[in-house]
Structures are given as structure tokens and as C-alpha cells.
C-alpha atoms as a PDB file:
ATOM      1  CA  MET A   1       0.100   0.222  -0.173  1.00  0.00           C
ATOM      2  CA  ALA A   2       1.493   3.209  -0.693  1.00  0.00           C
ATOM      3  CA  LYS A   3       2.122   5.967   2.050  1.00  0.00           C
ATOM      4  CA  GLY A   4      -0.129   8.558  -0.152  1.00  0.00           C
ATOM      5  CA  ASN A   5      -2.998   6.073  -0.301  1.00  0.00           C
ATOM      6  CA  LYS A   6      -2.214   5.364   3.303  1.00  0.00           C
ATOM      7  CA  PHE A   7      -2.549   9.404   4.422  1.00  0.00           C
ATOM      8  CA  VAL A   8      -5.695   9.587   2.666  1.00  0.00           C
ATOM      9  CA  ARG A   9      -7.860   6.177   4.644  1.00  0.00           C
ATOM     10  CA  GLY A  10      -6.721   7.277   7.847  1.00  0.00           C
ATOM     11  CA  VAL A  11      -7.936  11.038   6.756  1.00  0.00           C
ATOM     12  CA  LYS A  12     -11.582   9.479   5.360  1.00  0.00           C
ATOM     13  CA  ILE A  13     -11.291   7.558   8.897  1.00  0.00           C
ATOM     14  CA  ALA A  14     -10.034  10.408  10.905  1.00  0.00           C
ATOM     15  CA  VAL A  15     -13.271  12.164   9.113  1.00  0.00           C
ATOM     16  CA  ALA A  16     -15.866   9.130   9.921  1.00  0.00           C
ATOM     17  CA  VAL A  17     -14.969   9.162  13.380  1.00  0.00           C
ATOM     18  CA  LEU A  18     -15.386  12.523  14.068  1.00  0.00           C
ATOM     19  CA  ALA A  19     -18.537  12.476  12.235  1.00  0.00           C
ATOM     20  CA  VAL A  20     -19.809   9.599  14.583  1.00  0.00           C
ATOM     21  CA  LEU A  21     -18.717  11.505  17.736  1.00  0.00           C
ATOM     22  CA  VAL A  22     -20.124  15.211  17.081  1.00  0.00           C
ATOM     23  CA  MET A  23     -23.769  13.455  16.050  1.00  0.00           C
ATOM     24  CA  SER A  24     -23.508  11.584  19.046  1.00  0.00           C
ATOM     25  CA  VAL A  25     -22.670  14.470  21.580  1.00  0.00           C
ATOM     26  CA  TRP A  26     -25.763  16.468  19.439  1.00  0.00           C
ATOM     27  CA  SER A  27     -28.119  13.639  19.682  1.00  0.00           C
ATOM     28  CA  MET A  28     -27.718  13.602  23.451  1.00  0.00           C
ATOM     29  CA  ILE A  29     -27.888  17.077  24.018  1.00  0.00           C
ATOM     30  CA  LEU A  30     -31.615  17.339  21.148  1.00  0.00           C
ATOM     31  CA  TYR A  31     -32.817  14.503  23.061  1.00  0.00           C
ATOM     32  CA  SER A  32     -32.152  16.099  26.655  1.00  0.00           C
ATOM     33  CA  ASP A  33     -34.779  18.747  25.431  1.00  0.00           C
ATOM     34  CA  ALA A  34     -37.543  15.591  23.981  1.00  0.00           C
ATOM     35  CA  PHE A  35     -40.145  13.904  25.483  1.00  0.00           C
ATOM     36  CA  ILE A  36     -39.450  10.504  24.867  1.00  0.00           C
ATOM     37  CA  ASP A  37     -37.233   7.109  26.564  1.00  0.00           C
ATOM     38  CA  TRP A  38     -33.827   7.279  25.680  1.00  0.00           C
ATOM     39  CA  TRP A  39     -33.609   4.231  24.288  1.00  0.00           C
ATOM     40  CA  ILE A  40     -36.127   3.837  21.658  1.00  0.00           C
ATOM     41  CA  VAL A  41     -35.061   5.786  19.047  1.00  0.00           C
ATOM     42  CA  PRO A  42     -31.966   4.028  18.621  1.00  0.00           C
ATOM     43  CA  ALA A  43     -33.045   1.005  19.137  1.00  0.00           C
ATOM     44  CA  VAL A  44     -35.041   1.424  15.904  1.00  0.00           C
ATOM     45  CA  THR A  45     -32.517   3.495  14.079  1.00  0.00           C
ATOM     46  CA  LEU A  46     -29.852   0.480  14.818  1.00  0.00           C
ATOM     47  CA  GLY A  47     -32.453  -1.634  13.373  1.00  0.00           C
ATOM     48  CA  VAL A  48     -33.049   0.696  10.519  1.00  0.00           C
ATOM     49  CA  GLY A  49     -28.959  -0.237  10.193  1.00  0.00           C
ATOM     50  CA  ILE A  50     -28.836  -3.534  10.846  1.00  0.00           C
ATOM     51  CA  ALA A  51     -31.159  -4.005   8.151  1.00  0.00           C
ATOM     52  CA  THR A  52     -29.759  -1.945   5.602  1.00  0.00           C
ATOM     53  CA  ALA A  53     -26.267  -3.239   6.329  1.00  0.00           C
ATOM     54  CA  ILE A  54     -26.991  -6.614   4.874  1.00  0.00           C
ATOM     55  CA  HIS A  55     -27.149  -5.240   1.355  1.00  0.00           C
ATOM     56  CA  MET A  56     -24.711  -2.051   1.971  1.00  0.00           C
ATOM     57  CA  TRP A  57     -22.000  -3.339   3.097  1.00  0.00           C
ATOM     58  CA  LYS A  58     -19.879  -3.305   0.465  1.00  0.00           C
ATOM     59  CA  TRP A  59     -20.249   0.607   0.095  1.00  0.00           C
ATOM     60  CA  TRP A  60     -17.545   0.695   3.313  1.00  0.00           C
ATOM     61  CA  ILE A  61     -14.713  -1.453   1.879  1.00  0.00           C
ATOM     62  CA  PRO A  62     -13.075   1.859  -0.042  1.00  0.00           C
ATOM     63  CA  LEU A  63     -12.907   3.515   3.333  1.00  0.00           C
ATOM     64  CA  THR A  64     -11.657  -0.116   5.890  1.00  0.00           C
ATOM     65  CA  TRP A  65      -9.595  -1.516   3.204  1.00  0.00           C
ATOM     66  CA  SER A  66     -11.395  -5.289   4.084  1.00  0.00           C
ATOM     67  CA  GLU A  67     -13.707  -7.661   2.862  1.00  0.00           C
ATOM     68  CA  SER A  68     -15.236  -8.920   6.045  1.00  0.00           C
ATOM     69  CA  GLY A  69     -18.903  -8.353   6.319  1.00  0.00           C
ATOM     70  CA  LEU A  70     -19.041  -8.775   9.248  1.00  0.00           C
ATOM     71  CA  PHE A  71     -16.795  -6.172  10.165  1.00  0.00           C
ATOM     72  CA  ASN A  72     -18.244  -4.207   7.482  1.00  0.00           C
ATOM     73  CA  GLY A  73     -21.692  -4.544   8.607  1.00  0.00           C
ATOM     74  CA  MET A  74     -20.977  -3.051  11.805  1.00  0.00           C
ATOM     75  CA  CYS A  75     -19.308  -0.574  10.453  1.00  0.00           C
ATOM     76  CA  HIS A  76     -22.636   0.590   9.086  1.00  0.00           C
ATOM     77  CA  SER A  77     -24.843  -0.378  11.279  1.00  0.00           C
ATOM     78  CA  VAL A  78     -23.402   1.801  13.479  1.00  0.00           C
ATOM     79  CA  PHE A  79     -23.052   5.004  12.014  1.00  0.00           C
ATOM     80  CA  ALA A  80     -26.906   4.839  10.296  1.00  0.00           C
ATOM     81  CA  ALA A  81     -28.173   4.508  13.587  1.00  0.00           C
ATOM     82  CA  VAL A  82     -25.750   7.244  15.051  1.00  0.00           C
ATOM     83  CA  LEU A  83     -26.668   9.839  11.799  1.00  0.00           C
ATOM     84  CA  LEU A  84     -30.715   8.626  11.872  1.00  0.00           C
ATOM     85  CA  THR A  85     -30.940   9.383  15.597  1.00  0.00           C
ATOM     86  CA  PHE A  86     -29.768  12.528  15.123  1.00  0.00           C
ATOM     87  CA  ALA A  87     -31.381  13.288  12.700  1.00  0.00           C
ATOM     88  CA  PHE A  88     -34.539  12.323  13.883  1.00  0.00           C
ATOM     89  CA  PHE A  89     -33.810  14.500  17.429  1.00  0.00           C
ATOM     90  CA  ALA A  90     -32.870  17.512  15.087  1.00  0.00           C
ATOM     91  CA  LEU A  91     -35.708  18.052  12.552  1.00  0.00           C
ATOM     92  CA  ASN A  92     -37.963  17.202  15.569  1.00  0.00           C
ATOM     93  CA  ASN A  93     -36.673  20.131  17.742  1.00  0.00           C
ATOM     94  CA  MET A  94     -35.640  22.247  15.136  1.00  0.00           C
ATOM     95  CA  LEU A  95     -39.405  21.897  13.090  1.00  0.00           C
ATOM     96  CA  ALA A  96     -40.961  21.796  16.150  1.00  0.00           C
ATOM     97  CA  ASP A  97     -44.979  24.080  15.397  1.00  0.00           C
ATOM     98  CA  SER A  98     -44.892  26.482  17.260  1.00  0.00           C
ATOM     99  CA  ALA A  99     -48.584  27.160  16.776  1.00  0.00           C
ATOM    100  CA  SER A 100     -48.968  24.098  19.057  1.00  0.00           C
ATOM    101  CA  GLU A 101     -47.431  25.830  22.125  1.00  0.00           C
ATOM    102  CA  ARG A 102     -48.763  24.760  25.923  1.00  0.00           C
ATOM    103  CA  ALA A 103     -48.437  24.991  28.742  1.00  0.00           C
ATOM    104  CA  ASP A 104     -48.216  21.863  31.102  1.00  0.00           C
ATOM    105  CA  THR A 105     -47.936  21.020  34.535  1.00  0.00           C
ATOM    106  CA  ALA A 106     -44.908  18.743  35.341  1.00  0.00           C
ATOM    107  CA  VAL A 107     -44.703  17.258  39.197  1.00  0.00           C
ATOM    108  CA  VAL A 108     -40.597  16.676  40.659  1.00  0.00           C
ATOM    109  CA  THR A 109     -40.852  12.660  41.881  1.00  0.00           C
ATOM    110  CA  GLY A 110     -36.613  12.542  42.434  1.00  0.00           C
ATOM    111  CA  HIS A 111     -33.583  13.451  43.158  1.00  0.00           C
ATOM    112  CA  PHE A 112     -30.827  11.964  41.417  1.00  0.00           C
ATOM    113  CA  ARG A 113     -26.965  12.145  41.855  1.00  0.00           C
ATOM    114  CA  GLU A 114     -24.872  10.953  39.215  1.00  0.00           C
ATOM    115  CA  GLU A 115     -20.889  10.387  39.914  1.00  0.00           C
ATOM    116  CA  HIS A 116     -18.361  11.115  36.746  1.00  0.00           C
ATOM    117  CA  HIS A 117     -14.297  11.253  37.359  1.00  0.00           C
ATOM    118  CA  ARG A 118     -11.807  13.418  35.530  1.00  0.00           C
ATOM    119  CA  HIS A 119      -9.329  11.677  33.979  1.00  0.00           C
ATOM    120  CA  ARG A 120      -5.653  12.459  33.875  1.00  0.00           C
ATOM    121  CA  ARG A 121      -2.936  11.243  31.163  1.00  0.00           C
ATOM    122  CA  VAL A 122      -0.139   9.256  33.285  1.00  0.00           C
ATOM    123  CA  GLY A 123       2.000   8.861  30.658  1.00  0.00           C
ATOM    124  CA  ARG A 124       1.726   8.144  26.701  1.00  0.00           C
ATOM    125  CA  ARG A 125      -0.332   5.155  26.918  1.00  0.00           C
ATOM    126  CA  TYR A 126      -2.165   5.370  29.883  1.00  0.00           C
ATOM    127  CA  VAL A 127      -5.481   7.375  31.408  1.00  0.00           C
ATOM    128  CA  ALA A 128      -6.099   7.492  35.146  1.00  0.00           C
ATOM    129  CA  ASN A 129      -9.584   8.113  36.798  1.00  0.00           C
ATOM    130  CA  GLY A 130      -9.054  11.857  38.956  1.00  0.00           C
ATOM    131  CA  GLU A 131     -10.829  14.008  40.578  1.00  0.00           C
ATOM    132  CA  VAL A 132     -14.830  12.669  41.378  1.00  0.00           C
ATOM    133  CA  TYR A 133     -17.554  15.160  40.023  1.00  0.00           C
ATOM    134  CA  TYR A 134     -21.213  14.634  40.229  1.00  0.00           C
ATOM    135  CA  THR A 135     -24.696  15.997  37.720  1.00  0.00           C
ATOM    136  CA  TYR A 136     -27.190  16.474  39.439  1.00  0.00           C
ATOM    137  CA  LYS A 137     -31.018  15.464  37.546  1.00  0.00           C
ATOM    138  CA  LEU A 138     -34.722  15.484  38.508  1.00  0.00           C
ATOM    139  CA  GLN A 139     -37.001  13.550  37.157  1.00  0.00           C
ATOM    140  CA  LEU A 140     -40.466  15.268  36.305  1.00  0.00           C
ATOM    141  CA  LYS A 141     -43.777  13.949  35.513  1.00  0.00           C
ATOM    142  CA  LEU A 142     -45.706  15.289  33.167  1.00  0.00           C
ATOM    143  CA  SER A 143     -49.985  15.453  33.306  1.00  0.00           C
ATOM    144  CA  ASP A 144     -49.919  12.776  31.369  1.00  0.00           C
ATOM    145  CA  GLY A 145     -47.788   9.902  32.868  1.00  0.00           C
ATOM    146  CA  ARG A 146     -44.569  10.782  30.783  1.00  0.00           C
ATOM    147  CA  THR A 147     -41.604  11.274  32.660  1.00  0.00           C
ATOM    148  CA  LYS A 148     -38.247  12.640  31.595  1.00  0.00           C
ATOM    149  CA  PHE A 149     -34.944  12.917  33.130  1.00  0.00           C
ATOM    150  CA  VAL A 150     -33.873  17.580  33.548  1.00  0.00           C
ATOM    151  CA  GLU A 151     -29.855  18.152  34.405  1.00  0.00           C
ATOM    152  CA  MET A 152     -29.694  21.289  37.032  1.00  0.00           C
ATOM    153  CA  PRO A 153     -27.334  23.159  38.565  1.00  0.00           C
ATOM    154  CA  LEU A 154     -26.399  22.278  42.458  1.00  0.00           C
ATOM    155  CA  LYS A 155     -28.013  25.251  43.662  1.00  0.00           C
ATOM    156  CA  ASN A 156     -31.906  24.407  42.333  1.00  0.00           C
ATOM    157  CA  TYR A 157     -31.576  21.266  43.036  1.00  0.00           C
ATOM    158  CA  ARG A 158     -30.708  21.702  46.304  1.00  0.00           C
ATOM    159  CA  ARG A 159     -33.962  24.106  46.441  1.00  0.00           C
ATOM    160  CA  ILE A 160     -36.711  21.750  44.948  1.00  0.00           C
ATOM    161  CA  HIS A 161     -38.806  19.087  46.479  1.00  0.00           C
ATOM    162  CA  ASP A 162     -39.637  16.201  45.396  1.00  0.00           C
ATOM    163  CA  GLY A 163     -43.652  16.914  45.245  1.00  0.00           C
ATOM    164  CA  ASP A 164     -42.737  20.491  44.132  1.00  0.00           C
ATOM    165  CA  SER A 165     -44.906  21.512  40.549  1.00  0.00           C
ATOM    166  CA  ALA A 166     -43.126  22.743  37.182  1.00  0.00           C
ATOM    167  CA  SER A 167     -44.138  24.781  34.722  1.00  0.00           C
ATOM    168  CA  VAL A 168     -43.274  23.219  31.068  1.00  0.00           C
ATOM    169  CA  VAL A 169     -44.306  24.815  27.355  1.00  0.00           C
ATOM    170  CA  LEU A 170     -43.990  22.416  25.310  1.00  0.00           C
ATOM    171  CA  ARG A 171     -44.458  22.218  21.325  1.00  0.00           C
ATOM    172  CA  ASP A 172     -45.096  19.234  18.811  1.00  0.00           C
ATOM    173  CA  GLY A 173     -42.289  18.384  17.266  1.00  0.00           C
ATOM    174  CA  LEU A 174     -42.267  17.122  13.492  1.00  0.00           C
ATOM    175  CA  PHE A 175     -42.461  13.336  14.355  1.00  0.00           C
ATOM    176  CA  GLY A 176     -44.589  13.997  16.971  1.00  0.00           C
ATOM    177  CA  VAL A 177     -42.401  14.069  19.934  1.00  0.00           C
ATOM    178  CA  PRO A 178     -42.905  16.501  22.169  1.00  0.00           C
ATOM    179  CA  VAL A 179     -40.155  19.255  22.748  1.00  0.00           C
ATOM    180  CA  PHE A 180     -39.607  22.015  25.789  1.00  0.00           C
ATOM    181  CA  ASP A 181     -37.308  24.929  26.684  1.00  0.00           C
ATOM    182  CA  HIS A 182     -35.129  24.544  29.733  1.00  0.00           C
ATOM    183  CA  LYS A 183     -34.685  27.715  30.285  1.00  0.00           C
ATOM    184  CA  ALA A 184     -38.796  28.420  30.201  1.00  0.00           C
ATOM    185  CA  LEU A 185     -39.172  26.168  33.322  1.00  0.00           C
ATOM    186  CA  ARG A 186     -41.105  27.303  36.641  1.00  0.00           C
ATOM    187  CA  PHE A 187     -40.860  25.590  39.840  1.00  0.00           C
ATOM    188  CA  ARG A 188     -43.420  26.240  42.412  1.00  0.00           C
ATOM    189  CA  LYS A 189     -42.994  24.813  45.895  1.00  0.00           C
ATOM    190  CA  ALA A 190     -45.390  22.710  47.165  1.00  0.00           C
ATOM    191  CA  LYS A 191     -47.294  22.536  50.841  1.00  0.00           C
ATOM    192  CA  ARG A 192     -45.174  20.392  53.003  1.00  0.00           C
ATOM    193  CA  SER A 193     -48.453  17.808  52.942  1.00  0.00           C
ATOM    194  CA  ASP A 194     -48.354  17.158  49.396  1.00  0.00           C
ATOM    195  CA  ARG A 195     -44.662  16.482  49.146  1.00  0.00           C
ATOM    196  CA  ARG A 196     -43.874  12.864  48.900  1.00  0.00           C
END
């Protein structure tokens, strides 16, 4: 294999990996504004990716330089799932119907703290877990029973209790998945007798 071909192939692989990472991050950001269970869209899009990989795995040979149908099929399935998930949330959220905007009341049904570790490099090839940090989430339940986890800064998280209500502004997304704006959330304290 010529050095020039290796370089071009390396660039193509780097671009594909970067595209997958960027679309994955954006999908998570867009998902945070949608009222839908996190696993539904990726499960459907992965199914589509696997189904289309049966016929499209050969398209990946110029990129992977592999004749393996299984390996190329996996590459196609993952890329297709990430691309379709990103497209779903981007179109659903950005083309939401502003005429359908309505207010709803959600109830805080849970508090959750997630532990994370910052990573630090300890050598050329090794990365170790660094200091611990936490993210804080509230679980909101809409009047129709749908639930959503919403990340909160610690100072707001501490002031809100289970049973408090939240005013939520919803719009119908392009694909029927309701979307809301975190900045428009307004919390109201519940009476002590109403708190769970």
C-alpha cells in the first residue's frame, strides 16, 4: 500500500470517527429537550442500520479496506444509527410546530446524583481516573404520565423537593415527540402535606 493511500485512508477514517462523535454529542443535547425514552430512537435506527447493512456493507470496503462482511456491516450499522438518530432529533426539535405551544404542569418525582470521574493522562499510553465530580438530575412527570430527567445546577437542585410542581412549555415536534425549553422551566413549591 502506498504511503499516499495510507494517509488518505487515515484522513477518511478520522473524518468518519469525528462525524460519529459530533453527531452523538449533538443527539444527546437535542434529546435533553425531547419527551421520549432515551432508548427508543437509537433502538429503531440501529435496527434500520442492521437491516440496510445486509445490502450496503460493500460500500464500506474503500474506507475500511476489509472484505469482511461482518466488520463492514457493523461499521455501517453504527454509522447509520448515529446519523439517523441525529437527523430524527434535529428535525423533530428544530421544526417543532410553534402554533402547538402549550403550557403543562409537571411534578418532581425524584432526585438523582450521578458520579463521574475526570480523566488524567499518566503516561503516553495510560489514562487514570482523576477527581470525582457529580451531576444532578430531577425526574419530572407530566400530566399525561410521561417522565423526563432534567439536569440541574446544584444550587437549584437543593431548593427543589419531591412533590414540587414545574411549569413546562411544550411544542409538538415534527415527528410527534413533544419538545420543551429548559430555560422556560419554572418551579413552584408544594405544600408540605403534598410532598412525597
